[in-house]
Amino acid sequence: MYLEIAMLAYLVVLFLTLRDIRIFKRTGYRSYRKGALKGLAASSLILIGAITVEAKPDLGLLIVLIGLFINRKGVRENVFTNAGTFDRFLGKTDYVKKNKVKKQV
């Protein structure tokens, strides 16, 4: 049972990290990049906790909990103005970053 809890936490953090990456690619907001990097660190720690659960369940779940605390994202920009619930769930934003001007040689 403990392994299932740890793997569910891992999948949730991985999903949220991929969602942050998608929002960062669409908008270019730095807070979503920072959230994605925190998510990568947290998912690595949670995976270590999931591996540890087999040997010592208490220690493994403690490591998973610490990874979940690392995953806290903080204040974000509002990127969803009139998106539906499913679009927000998948990270489809209303704002799209503007193309950069290319240097001509």
C-alpha atoms as a PDB file:
ATOM      1  CA  MET A   1       0.000   0.000   0.000  1.00  0.00           C
ATOM      2  CA  TYR A   2       2.846   2.395   0.811  1.00  0.00           C
ATOM      3  CA  LEU A   3       4.417   1.904  -2.586  1.00  0.00           C
ATOM      4  CA  GLU A   4       1.141   2.796  -4.316  1.00  0.00           C
ATOM      5  CA  ILE A   5       0.899   6.027  -2.295  1.00  0.00           C
ATOM      6  CA  ALA A   6       4.474   6.963  -3.179  1.00  0.00           C
ATOM      7  CA  MET A   7       3.988   6.218  -6.874  1.00  0.00           C
ATOM      8  CA  LEU A   8       0.745   8.212  -6.976  1.00  0.00           C
ATOM      9  CA  ALA A   9       2.589  11.190  -5.463  1.00  0.00           C
ATOM     10  CA  TYR A  10       5.326  10.737  -8.075  1.00  0.00           C
ATOM     11  CA  LEU A  11       2.842  10.692 -10.959  1.00  0.00           C
ATOM     12  CA  VAL A  12       1.022  13.785  -9.683  1.00  0.00           C
ATOM     13  CA  VAL A  13       4.240  15.781  -9.319  1.00  0.00           C
ATOM     14  CA  LEU A  14       5.416  14.636 -12.742  1.00  0.00           C
ATOM     15  CA  PHE A  15       2.111  15.678 -14.326  1.00  0.00           C
ATOM     16  CA  LEU A  16       2.246  19.115 -12.689  1.00  0.00           C
ATOM     17  CA  THR A  17       5.846  19.530 -13.821  1.00  0.00           C
ATOM     18  CA  LEU A  18       4.950  18.722 -17.427  1.00  0.00           C
ATOM     19  CA  ARG A  19       2.045  21.161 -17.191  1.00  0.00           C
ATOM     20  CA  ASP A  20       4.382  23.903 -15.930  1.00  0.00           C
ATOM     21  CA  ILE A  21       6.785  23.200 -18.793  1.00  0.00           C
ATOM     22  CA  ARG A  22       3.941  23.516 -21.291  1.00  0.00           C
ATOM     23  CA  ILE A  23       2.743  26.802 -19.790  1.00  0.00           C
ATOM     24  CA  PHE A  24       6.312  28.175 -19.753  1.00  0.00           C
ATOM     25  CA  LYS A  25       6.803  27.256 -23.416  1.00  0.00           C
ATOM     26  CA  ARG A  26       3.550  29.003 -24.358  1.00  0.00           C
ATOM     27  CA  THR A  27       3.934  32.149 -22.241  1.00  0.00           C
ATOM     28  CA  GLY A  28       7.609  32.539 -21.371  1.00  0.00           C
ATOM     29  CA  TYR A  29       6.845  33.488 -17.745  1.00  0.00           C
ATOM     30  CA  ARG A  30       9.798  32.806 -15.468  1.00  0.00           C
ATOM     31  CA  SER A  31       7.656  31.678 -12.516  1.00  0.00           C
ATOM     32  CA  TYR A  32       6.488  28.635 -14.495  1.00  0.00           C
ATOM     33  CA  ARG A  33      10.088  27.808 -15.407  1.00  0.00           C
ATOM     34  CA  LYS A  34      11.017  27.989 -11.733  1.00  0.00           C
ATOM     35  CA  GLY A  35       8.043  25.772 -10.879  1.00  0.00           C
ATOM     36  CA  ALA A  36       9.110  23.226 -13.491  1.00  0.00           C
ATOM     37  CA  LEU A  37      12.633  23.106 -12.070  1.00  0.00           C
ATOM     38  CA  LYS A  38      11.260  22.646  -8.560  1.00  0.00           C
ATOM     39  CA  GLY A  39       9.053  19.875  -9.908  1.00  0.00           C
ATOM     40  CA  LEU A  40      12.026  18.049 -11.402  1.00  0.00           C
ATOM     41  CA  ALA A  41      13.893  18.187  -8.091  1.00  0.00           C
ATOM     42  CA  ALA A  42      10.797  17.102  -6.176  1.00  0.00           C
ATOM     43  CA  SER A  43      10.023  14.218  -8.530  1.00  0.00           C
ATOM     44  CA  SER A  44      13.582  12.926  -8.203  1.00  0.00           C
ATOM     45  CA  LEU A  45      13.346  13.011  -4.424  1.00  0.00           C
ATOM     46  CA  ILE A  46       9.930  11.348  -4.461  1.00  0.00           C
ATOM     47  CA  LEU A  47      11.275   8.577  -6.689  1.00  0.00           C
ATOM     48  CA  ILE A  48      14.087   7.987  -4.200  1.00  0.00           C
ATOM     49  CA  GLY A  49      11.451   7.848  -1.459  1.00  0.00           C
ATOM     50  CA  ALA A  50       9.403   5.353  -3.458  1.00  0.00           C
ATOM     51  CA  ILE A  51      12.433   3.111  -3.798  1.00  0.00           C
ATOM     52  CA  THR A  52      13.151   3.446  -0.069  1.00  0.00           C
ATOM     53  CA  VAL A  53       9.564   2.495   0.860  1.00  0.00           C
ATOM     54  CA  GLU A  54      10.282  -1.163   0.160  1.00  0.00           C
ATOM     55  CA  ALA A  55      13.056  -1.320   2.780  1.00  0.00           C
ATOM     56  CA  LYS A  56      11.759   1.152   5.371  1.00  0.00           C
ATOM     57  CA  PRO A  57       8.184   2.392   4.818  1.00  0.00           C
ATOM     58  CA  ASP A  58       8.336   5.195   7.400  1.00  0.00           C
ATOM     59  CA  LEU A  59      11.558   6.668   6.042  1.00  0.00           C
ATOM     60  CA  GLY A  60      10.392   6.304   2.446  1.00  0.00           C
ATOM     61  CA  LEU A  61       7.116   8.119   3.071  1.00  0.00           C
ATOM     62  CA  LEU A  62       8.990  10.845   4.956  1.00  0.00           C
ATOM     63  CA  ILE A  63      11.193  11.389   1.905  1.00  0.00           C
ATOM     64  CA  VAL A  64       8.073  11.501  -0.294  1.00  0.00           C
ATOM     65  CA  LEU A  65       6.532  14.112   2.019  1.00  0.00           C
ATOM     66  CA  ILE A  66       9.683  16.243   1.867  1.00  0.00           C
ATOM     67  CA  GLY A  67       9.557  16.008  -1.927  1.00  0.00           C
ATOM     68  CA  LEU A  68       5.954  17.195  -1.894  1.00  0.00           C
ATOM     69  CA  PHE A  69       6.953  20.188   0.221  1.00  0.00           C
ATOM     70  CA  ILE A  70       9.716  21.025  -2.258  1.00  0.00           C
ATOM     71  CA  ASN A  71       7.133  20.977  -5.056  1.00  0.00           C
ATOM     72  CA  ARG A  72       5.266  24.023  -3.682  1.00  0.00           C
ATOM     73  CA  LYS A  73       5.126  26.505  -6.546  1.00  0.00           C
ATOM     74  CA  GLY A  74       4.410  29.936  -5.053  1.00  0.00           C
ATOM     75  CA  VAL A  75       2.843  33.003  -6.673  1.00  0.00           C
ATOM     76  CA  ARG A  76       2.097  32.766 -10.391  1.00  0.00           C
ATOM     77  CA  GLU A  77       0.913  35.065 -13.143  1.00  0.00           C
ATOM     78  CA  ASN A  78      -2.688  34.731 -14.266  1.00  0.00           C
ATOM     79  CA  VAL A  79      -2.537  32.945 -17.629  1.00  0.00           C
ATOM     80  CA  PHE A  80      -6.089  31.613 -17.759  1.00  0.00           C
ATOM     81  CA  THR A  81      -8.707  34.265 -18.543  1.00  0.00           C
ATOM     82  CA  ASN A  82     -11.570  32.350 -20.136  1.00  0.00           C
ATOM     83  CA  ALA A  83     -10.246  28.780 -20.370  1.00  0.00           C
ATOM     84  CA  GLY A  84     -12.421  25.899 -19.271  1.00  0.00           C
ATOM     85  CA  THR A  85     -11.625  23.449 -16.516  1.00  0.00           C
ATOM     86  CA  PHE A  86     -10.220  20.788 -18.833  1.00  0.00           C
ATOM     87  CA  ASP A  87      -8.015  23.342 -20.630  1.00  0.00           C
ATOM     88  CA  ARG A  88      -6.654  24.555 -17.279  1.00  0.00           C
ATOM     89  CA  PHE A  89      -6.061  20.949 -16.254  1.00  0.00           C
ATOM     90  CA  LEU A  90      -3.952  20.349 -19.361  1.00  0.00           C
ATOM     91  CA  GLY A  91      -2.165  23.713 -19.182  1.00  0.00           C
ATOM     92  CA  LYS A  92      -3.616  25.262 -22.318  1.00  0.00           C
ATOM     93  CA  THR A  93      -3.160  29.007 -21.804  1.00  0.00           C
ATOM     94  CA  ASP A  94      -4.883  31.998 -23.323  1.00  0.00           C
ATOM     95  CA  TYR A  95      -1.650  33.977 -23.554  1.00  0.00           C
ATOM     96  CA  VAL A  96       1.041  33.107 -26.048  1.00  0.00           C
ATOM     97  CA  LYS A  97       4.465  34.707 -25.942  1.00  0.00           C
ATOM     98  CA  LYS A  98       5.409  36.987 -28.793  1.00  0.00           C
ATOM     99  CA  ASN A  99       8.003  35.852 -31.304  1.00  0.00           C
ATOM    100  CA  LYS A 100      11.457  37.295 -30.809  1.00  0.00           C
ATOM    101  CA  VAL A 101      12.883  39.509 -33.498  1.00  0.00           C
ATOM    102  CA  LYS A 102      15.652  37.674 -35.284  1.00  0.00           C
ATOM    103  CA  LYS A 103      18.924  39.446 -35.898  1.00  0.00           C
ATOM    104  CA  GLN A 104      19.758  39.953 -39.528  1.00  0.00           C
ATOM    105  CA  VAL A 105      23.400  39.683 -40.493  1.00  0.00           C
END
